[in-house]
């Protein structure tokens, strides 16, 4: 399938890079016949292939091959944009991957983010350490607050928070 380059919808909020690489666009424009199709969602929103799309425009080609991917949500659209840019072509920089990991912390597991971004789980843990510490501090605050209410037992607090009684006991003893 092809689409007019002018019909492709580019959304900056979905673009995973800090800035485009003009040298890559120029390089790609010299060999557009060898470039794989860009990827668009069902609404013609660009998911993957920004540099290829720009290369076709630079070369004066009015239509570009594309592959359509149906996505169910904005979250899936953004996830796919990062995933596709992490594993092939001009890959995302570590800083670009770090930004996404921090942005998606809590929505995806460490393992999911590592797989999606093509990095180790240790890298994700390092990048999201501040968010993890804040989340743990908030959880601990809730545990103490719930426990200090006279009608809550350690068992009931553990059930509400979703952790083991031993974790509740440890937090209360530290308090």
Foldseek 3Di string as FASTA:
>chain_A
DKDFLVQAAEDPVLALAPDDDVVLLCVCLVPLVPDDAFEAEPNNYGLGDPSSSSSCVVNVNGMTHYDYDYDDDPVRSSLSSQQVQQPDDPHYDLVSLLVVLQVCVPVDDLVVSCNSNVHDSVSSCVSNVVVVVVVVVVLLVQLVVQCVPVVDDLVNSCVVSVHDSVVSVVSVVVD
